[in-house]
PDB file of all heavy atoms in Angstrom:
ATOM      1  N   ALA A   1       0.852  -1.190   0.000  1.00  0.00           N
ATOM      2  CA  ALA A   1       0.000   0.000   0.000  1.00  0.00           C
ATOM      3  C   ALA A   1       0.884   1.233   0.000  1.00  0.00           C
ATOM      4  O   ALA A   1       1.858   1.314   0.756  1.00  0.00           O
ATOM      5  CB  ALA A   1      -0.909   0.014   1.230  1.00  0.00           C
ATOM      6  N   ASP A   2       0.567   2.197  -0.864  1.00  0.00           N
ATOM      7  CA  ASP A   2       1.346   3.434  -0.918  1.00  0.00           C
ATOM      8  C   ASP A   2       1.232   4.179   0.411  1.00  0.00           C
ATOM      9  O   ASP A   2       0.161   4.259   1.011  1.00  0.00           O
ATOM     10  CB  ASP A   2       0.854   4.335  -2.047  1.00  0.00           C
ATOM     11  CG  ASP A   2       1.166   3.751  -3.423  1.00  0.00           C
ATOM     12  OD1 ASP A   2       1.918   2.759  -3.482  1.00  0.00           O
ATOM     13  OD2 ASP A   2       0.648   4.292  -4.422  1.00  0.00           O
ATOM     14  N   GLN A   3       2.359   4.742   0.857  1.00  0.00           N
ATOM     15  CA  GLN A   3       2.400   5.454   2.126  1.00  0.00           C
ATOM     16  C   GLN A   3       2.746   6.928   1.962  1.00  0.00           C
ATOM     17  O   GLN A   3       2.052   7.803   2.460  1.00  0.00           O
ATOM     18  CB  GLN A   3       3.416   4.786   3.060  1.00  0.00           C
ATOM     19  CG  GLN A   3       3.487   5.389   4.454  1.00  0.00           C
ATOM     20  CD  GLN A   3       4.543   4.708   5.306  1.00  0.00           C
ATOM     21  OE1 GLN A   3       5.572   4.251   4.807  1.00  0.00           O
ATOM     22  NE2 GLN A   3       4.277   4.609   6.604  1.00  0.00           N
ATOM     23  N   ARG A   4       3.846   7.212   1.238  1.00  0.00           N
ATOM     24  CA  ARG A   4       4.318   8.589   1.139  1.00  0.00           C
ATOM     25  C   ARG A   4       5.150   8.741  -0.133  1.00  0.00           C
ATOM     26  O   ARG A   4       5.991   7.906  -0.449  1.00  0.00           O
ATOM     27  CB  ARG A   4       5.176   8.944   2.353  1.00  0.00           C
ATOM     28  CG  ARG A   4       5.674  10.389   2.396  1.00  0.00           C
ATOM     29  CD  ARG A   4       6.598  10.603   3.586  1.00  0.00           C
ATOM     30  NE  ARG A   4       5.970  10.216   4.845  1.00  0.00           N
ATOM     31  CZ  ARG A   4       6.262   9.121   5.520  1.00  0.00           C
ATOM     32  NH1 ARG A   4       7.190   8.291   5.085  1.00  0.00           N
ATOM     33  NH2 ARG A   4       5.647   8.854   6.658  1.00  0.00           N
ATOM     34  N   SER A   5       4.911   9.848  -0.863  1.00  0.00           N
ATOM     35  CA  SER A   5       5.681  10.129  -2.066  1.00  0.00           C
ATOM     36  C   SER A   5       6.813  11.088  -1.734  1.00  0.00           C
ATOM     37  O   SER A   5       6.604  12.111  -1.070  1.00  0.00           O
ATOM     38  CB  SER A   5       4.774  10.728  -3.144  1.00  0.00           C
ATOM     39  OG  SER A   5       5.505  10.986  -4.316  1.00  0.00           O
ATOM     40  N   ASN A   6       8.024  10.753  -2.178  1.00  0.00           N
ATOM     41  CA  ASN A   6       9.201  11.591  -1.983  1.00  0.00           C
ATOM     42  C   ASN A   6       9.632  12.170  -3.325  1.00  0.00           C
ATOM     43  O   ASN A   6       8.991  11.933  -4.353  1.00  0.00           O
ATOM     44  CB  ASN A   6      10.332  10.781  -1.350  1.00  0.00           C
ATOM     45  CG  ASN A   6       9.869  10.018  -0.124  1.00  0.00           C
ATOM     46  OD1 ASN A   6       9.361  10.596   0.830  1.00  0.00           O
ATOM     47  ND2 ASN A   6      10.011   8.688  -0.150  1.00  0.00           N
ATOM     48  N   ILE A   7      10.701  12.918  -3.341  1.00  0.00           N
ATOM     49  CA  ILE A   7      11.152  13.553  -4.582  1.00  0.00           C
ATOM     50  C   ILE A   7      11.465  12.525  -5.663  1.00  0.00           C
ATOM     51  O   ILE A   7      11.026  12.650  -6.800  1.00  0.00           O
ATOM     52  CB  ILE A   7      12.391  14.440  -4.313  1.00  0.00           C
ATOM     53  CG1 ILE A   7      12.023  15.611  -3.378  1.00  0.00           C
ATOM     54  CG2 ILE A   7      12.964  14.972  -5.625  1.00  0.00           C
ATOM     55  CD1 ILE A   7      13.211  16.457  -2.970  1.00  0.00           C
ATOM     56  N   ASP A   8      12.237  11.508  -5.313  1.00  0.00           N
ATOM     57  CA  ASP A   8      12.646  10.522  -6.309  1.00  0.00           C
ATOM     58  C   ASP A   8      12.305   9.097  -5.905  1.00  0.00           C
ATOM     59  O   ASP A   8      12.824   8.139  -6.479  1.00  0.00           O
ATOM     60  CB  ASP A   8      14.144  10.640  -6.586  1.00  0.00           C
ATOM     61  CG  ASP A   8      14.970  10.493  -5.312  1.00  0.00           C
ATOM     62  OD1 ASP A   8      14.381  10.306  -4.232  1.00  0.00           O
ATOM     63  OD2 ASP A   8      16.208  10.578  -5.412  1.00  0.00           O
ATOM     64  N   SER A   9      11.427   8.943  -4.910  1.00  0.00           N
ATOM     65  CA  SER A   9      11.093   7.603  -4.442  1.00  0.00           C
ATOM     66  C   SER A   9       9.691   7.577  -3.853  1.00  0.00           C
ATOM     67  O   SER A   9       9.046   8.622  -3.682  1.00  0.00           O
ATOM     68  CB  SER A   9      12.110   7.126  -3.395  1.00  0.00           C
ATOM     69  OG  SER A   9      12.069   7.959  -2.253  1.00  0.00           O
ATOM     70  N   LEU A  10       9.245   6.386  -3.526  1.00  0.00           N
ATOM     71  CA  LEU A  10       7.921   6.194  -2.943  1.00  0.00           C
ATOM     72  C   LEU A  10       8.046   5.260  -1.750  1.00  0.00           C
ATOM     73  O   LEU A  10       8.671   4.196  -1.845  1.00  0.00           O
ATOM     74  CB  LEU A  10       6.976   5.590  -3.983  1.00  0.00           C
ATOM     75  CG  LEU A  10       5.564   5.221  -3.515  1.00  0.00           C
ATOM     76  CD1 LEU A  10       4.781   6.471  -3.138  1.00  0.00           C
ATOM     77  CD2 LEU A  10       4.826   4.440  -4.614  1.00  0.00           C
ATOM     78  N   ASP A  11       7.485   5.653  -0.606  1.00  0.00           N
ATOM     79  CA  ASP A  11       7.426   4.782   0.555  1.00  0.00           C
ATOM     80  C   ASP A  11       6.145   3.969   0.510  1.00  0.00           C
ATOM     81  O   ASP A  11       5.061   4.508   0.228  1.00  0.00           O
ATOM     82  CB  ASP A  11       7.467   5.597   1.853  1.00  0.00           C
ATOM     83  CG  ASP A  11       8.818   6.239   2.095  1.00  0.00           C
ATOM     84  OD1 ASP A  11       9.759   5.961   1.319  1.00  0.00           O
ATOM     85  OD2 ASP A  11       8.943   7.024   3.050  1.00  0.00           O
ATOM     86  N   LYS A  12       6.280   2.675   0.787  1.00  0.00           N
ATOM     87  CA  LYS A  12       5.122   1.777   0.782  1.00  0.00           C
ATOM     88  C   LYS A  12       5.080   0.981   2.083  1.00  0.00           C
ATOM     89  O   LYS A  12       6.095   0.824   2.764  1.00  0.00           O
ATOM     90  CB  LYS A  12       5.211   0.797  -0.397  1.00  0.00           C
ATOM     91  CG  LYS A  12       5.136   1.431  -1.764  1.00  0.00           C
ATOM     92  CD  LYS A  12       5.135   0.347  -2.840  1.00  0.00           C
ATOM     93  CE  LYS A  12       4.976   0.925  -4.230  1.00  0.00           C
ATOM     94  NZ  LYS A  12       4.876  -0.149  -5.263  1.00  0.00           N
ATOM     95  N   ILE A  13       3.886   0.483   2.403  1.00  0.00           N
ATOM     96  CA  ILE A  13       3.741  -0.477   3.488  1.00  0.00           C
ATOM     97  C   ILE A  13       3.762  -1.866   2.876  1.00  0.00           C
ATOM     98  O   ILE A  13       2.958  -2.180   1.990  1.00  0.00           O
ATOM     99  CB  ILE A  13       2.432  -0.267   4.265  1.00  0.00           C
ATOM    100  CG1 ILE A  13       2.416   1.115   4.926  1.00  0.00           C
ATOM    101  CG2 ILE A  13       2.265  -1.359   5.320  1.00  0.00           C
ATOM    102  CD1 ILE A  13       3.462   1.294   6.002  1.00  0.00           C
ATOM    103  N   GLU A  14       4.697  -2.680   3.325  1.00  0.00           N
ATOM    104  CA  GLU A  14       4.817  -4.063   2.860  1.00  0.00           C
ATOM    105  C   GLU A  14       4.297  -4.993   3.947  1.00  0.00           C
ATOM    106  O   GLU A  14       4.689  -4.890   5.109  1.00  0.00           O
ATOM    107  CB  GLU A  14       6.285  -4.372   2.556  1.00  0.00           C
ATOM    108  CG  GLU A  14       6.548  -5.798   2.110  1.00  0.00           C
ATOM    109  CD  GLU A  14       8.020  -6.019   1.792  1.00  0.00           C
ATOM    110  OE1 GLU A  14       8.803  -6.233   2.747  1.00  0.00           O
ATOM    111  OE2 GLU A  14       8.383  -5.928   0.604  1.00  0.00           O
ATOM    112  N   ASN A  15       3.398  -5.888   3.578  1.00  0.00           N
ATOM    113  CA  ASN A  15       2.861  -6.872   4.518  1.00  0.00           C
ATOM    114  C   ASN A  15       3.663  -8.154   4.351  1.00  0.00           C
ATOM    115  O   ASN A  15       3.380  -8.971   3.474  1.00  0.00           O
ATOM    116  CB  ASN A  15       1.378  -7.114   4.251  1.00  0.00           C
ATOM    117  CG  ASN A  15       0.725  -7.958   5.338  1.00  0.00           C
ATOM    118  OD1 ASN A  15       1.401  -8.654   6.085  1.00  0.00           O
ATOM    119  ND2 ASN A  15      -0.588  -7.892   5.430  1.00  0.00           N
ATOM    120  N   LEU A  16       4.668  -8.304   5.202  1.00  0.00           N
ATOM    121  CA  LEU A  16       5.594  -9.435   5.120  1.00  0.00           C
ATOM    122  C   LEU A  16       5.109 -10.547   6.052  1.00  0.00           C
ATOM    123  O   LEU A  16       5.470 -10.601   7.227  1.00  0.00           O
ATOM    124  CB  LEU A  16       7.007  -8.976   5.486  1.00  0.00           C
ATOM    125  CG  LEU A  16       8.150  -9.980   5.354  1.00  0.00           C
ATOM    126  CD1 LEU A  16       8.225 -10.532   3.929  1.00  0.00           C
ATOM    127  CD2 LEU A  16       9.468  -9.339   5.750  1.00  0.00           C
ATOM    128  N   ASN A  17       4.235 -11.390   5.513  1.00  0.00           N
ATOM    129  CA  ASN A  17       3.667 -12.499   6.296  1.00  0.00           C
ATOM    130  C   ASN A  17       3.069 -12.025   7.615  1.00  0.00           C
ATOM    131  O   ASN A  17       3.279 -12.627   8.671  1.00  0.00           O
ATOM    132  CB  ASN A  17       4.732 -13.579   6.552  1.00  0.00           C
ATOM    133  CG  ASN A  17       5.162 -14.278   5.280  1.00  0.00           C
ATOM    134  OD1 ASN A  17       4.492 -14.198   4.258  1.00  0.00           O
ATOM    135  ND2 ASN A  17       6.284 -14.967   5.339  1.00  0.00           N
ATOM    136  N   GLY A  18       2.323 -10.920   7.558  1.00  0.00           N
ATOM    137  CA  GLY A  18       1.659 -10.396   8.741  1.00  0.00           C
ATOM    138  C   GLY A  18       2.394  -9.265   9.423  1.00  0.00           C
ATOM    139  O   GLY A  18       1.794  -8.552  10.238  1.00  0.00           O
ATOM    140  N   LEU A  19       3.671  -9.084   9.118  1.00  0.00           N
ATOM    141  CA  LEU A  19       4.444  -7.981   9.681  1.00  0.00           C
ATOM    142  C   LEU A  19       4.409  -6.809   8.705  1.00  0.00           C
ATOM    143  O   LEU A  19       5.012  -6.864   7.630  1.00  0.00           O
ATOM    144  CB  LEU A  19       5.892  -8.399   9.937  1.00  0.00           C
ATOM    145  CG  LEU A  19       6.821  -7.274  10.421  1.00  0.00           C
ATOM    146  CD1 LEU A  19       6.410  -6.803  11.813  1.00  0.00           C
ATOM    147  CD2 LEU A  19       8.274  -7.731  10.430  1.00  0.00           C
ATOM    148  N   LYS A  20       3.703  -5.756   9.079  1.00  0.00           N
ATOM    149  CA  LYS A  20       3.606  -4.575   8.220  1.00  0.00           C
ATOM    150  C   LYS A  20       4.730  -3.603   8.568  1.00  0.00           C
ATOM    151  O   LYS A  20       4.881  -3.219   9.724  1.00  0.00           O
ATOM    152  CB  LYS A  20       2.243  -3.913   8.382  1.00  0.00           C
ATOM    153  CG  LYS A  20       1.083  -4.784   7.905  1.00  0.00           C
ATOM    154  CD  LYS A  20      -0.248  -4.068   8.050  1.00  0.00           C
ATOM    155  CE  LYS A  20      -1.386  -4.945   7.551  1.00  0.00           C
ATOM    156  NZ  LYS A  20      -2.709  -4.267   7.684  1.00  0.00           N
ATOM    157  N   HIS A  21       5.488  -3.221   7.565  1.00  0.00           N
ATOM    158  CA  HIS A  21       6.600  -2.301   7.784  1.00  0.00           C
ATOM    159  C   HIS A  21       6.792  -1.462   6.529  1.00  0.00           C
ATOM    160  O   HIS A  21       6.272  -1.790   5.445  1.00  0.00           O
ATOM    161  CB  HIS A  21       7.886  -3.070   8.120  1.00  0.00           C
ATOM    162  CG  HIS A  21       8.389  -3.898   6.977  1.00  0.00           C
ATOM    163  ND1 HIS A  21       9.445  -3.515   6.199  1.00  0.00           N
ATOM    164  CD2 HIS A  21       7.957  -5.078   6.470  1.00  0.00           C
ATOM    165  CE1 HIS A  21       9.657  -4.421   5.265  1.00  0.00           C
ATOM    166  NE2 HIS A  21       8.770  -5.383   5.401  1.00  0.00           N
ATOM    167  N   SER A  22       7.541  -0.386   6.655  1.00  0.00           N
ATOM    168  CA  SER A  22       7.748   0.537   5.540  1.00  0.00           C
ATOM    169  C   SER A  22       8.956   0.120   4.705  1.00  0.00           C
ATOM    170  O   SER A  22       9.962  -0.346   5.242  1.00  0.00           O
ATOM    171  CB  SER A  22       7.967   1.960   6.060  1.00  0.00           C
ATOM    172  OG  SER A  22       6.831   2.430   6.754  1.00  0.00           O
ATOM    173  N   ILE A  23       8.811   0.305   3.399  1.00  0.00           N
ATOM    174  CA  ILE A  23       9.944   0.140   2.494  1.00  0.00           C
ATOM    175  C   ILE A  23       9.999   1.375   1.592  1.00  0.00           C
ATOM    176  O   ILE A  23       9.050   2.168   1.546  1.00  0.00           O
ATOM    177  CB  ILE A  23       9.846  -1.130   1.627  1.00  0.00           C
ATOM    178  CG1 ILE A  23       8.641  -1.030   0.680  1.00  0.00           C
ATOM    179  CG2 ILE A  23       9.767  -2.375   2.491  1.00  0.00           C
ATOM    180  CD1 ILE A  23       8.640  -2.086  -0.416  1.00  0.00           C
ATOM    181  N   ARG A  24      11.126   1.555   0.907  1.00  0.00           N
ATOM    182  CA  ARG A  24      11.276   2.672  -0.018  1.00  0.00           C
ATOM    183  C   ARG A  24      11.731   2.132  -1.375  1.00  0.00           C
ATOM    184  O   ARG A  24      12.676   1.331  -1.443  1.00  0.00           O
ATOM    185  CB  ARG A  24      12.287   3.679   0.520  1.00  0.00           C
ATOM    186  CG  ARG A  24      12.526   4.890  -0.383  1.00  0.00           C
ATOM    187  CD  ARG A  24      13.233   5.991   0.386  1.00  0.00           C
ATOM    188  NE  ARG A  24      12.356   6.519   1.436  1.00  0.00           N
ATOM    189  CZ  ARG A  24      12.728   7.431   2.330  1.00  0.00           C
ATOM    190  NH1 ARG A  24      13.961   7.918   2.302  1.00  0.00           N
ATOM    191  NH2 ARG A  24      11.877   7.853   3.246  1.00  0.00           N
ATOM    192  N   VAL A  25      11.052   2.555  -2.429  1.00  0.00           N
ATOM    193  CA  VAL A  25      11.423   2.127  -3.784  1.00  0.00           C
ATOM    194  C   VAL A  25      11.637   3.364  -4.646  1.00  0.00           C
ATOM    195  O   VAL A  25      10.964   4.380  -4.478  1.00  0.00           O
ATOM    196  CB  VAL A  25      10.347   1.214  -4.402  1.00  0.00           C
ATOM    197  CG1 VAL A  25      10.190  -0.061  -3.580  1.00  0.00           C
ATOM    198  CG2 VAL A  25       9.005   1.935  -4.523  1.00  0.00           C
ATOM    199  N   ALA A  26      12.577   3.272  -5.567  1.00  0.00           N
ATOM    200  CA  ALA A  26      12.881   4.393  -6.448  1.00  0.00           C
ATOM    201  C   ALA A  26      11.789   4.548  -7.503  1.00  0.00           C
ATOM    202  O   ALA A  26      11.182   3.566  -7.937  1.00  0.00           O
ATOM    203  CB  ALA A  26      14.234   4.182  -7.119  1.00  0.00           C
ATOM    204  N   ASN A  27      11.551   5.795  -7.897  1.00  0.00           N
ATOM    205  CA  ASN A  27      10.570   6.041  -8.949  1.00  0.00           C
ATOM    206  C   ASN A  27      10.999   5.413 -10.270  1.00  0.00           C
ATOM    207  O   ASN A  27      10.169   4.972 -11.065  1.00  0.00           O
ATOM    208  CB  ASN A  27      10.374   7.550  -9.138  1.00  0.00           C
ATOM    209  CG  ASN A  27       9.651   8.187  -7.955  1.00  0.00           C
ATOM    210  OD1 ASN A  27       8.932   7.503  -7.221  1.00  0.00           O
ATOM    211  ND2 ASN A  27       9.847   9.485  -7.775  1.00  0.00           N
TER     212      ASN A  27
END
């Protein structure tokens, strides 16, 4: 799920087998 848009990347919530945590991916 999208969380936050940055200048050159996007933060998402990743559901890793029930553990929800933030990740960052490049645009």
